[in-house]
Amino acid sequence: MVITSTIGIWQLFLLLFLLLIPSIMLFGLFKLSKSSVAYNTKITWTIIILLFPVFGAVTYLIAGHKPDVR
């Protein structure tokens, strides 16, 4: 008897979930580290991103991130 291993749809969602959340969090932290906001603001955003990875990072990228205008 040959047992074949197939990936189910729930396993794909789990894999996506496990890869997507750290990626979003790290991207948000990277953008925060490169921004020119005040030190206290960076600490606050870092705590928010670490406590609420997806919500915090997306909120920072939408509301807190101000592009450098030259």
Foldseek 3Di string as FASTA:
>chain_A
DDDDDDDDPVNVVVVCVVPVQVVLLVVLLVLLVPDDDDPVVSVVLNVQCVVPVNVSSVCCVVPVDDDDDD
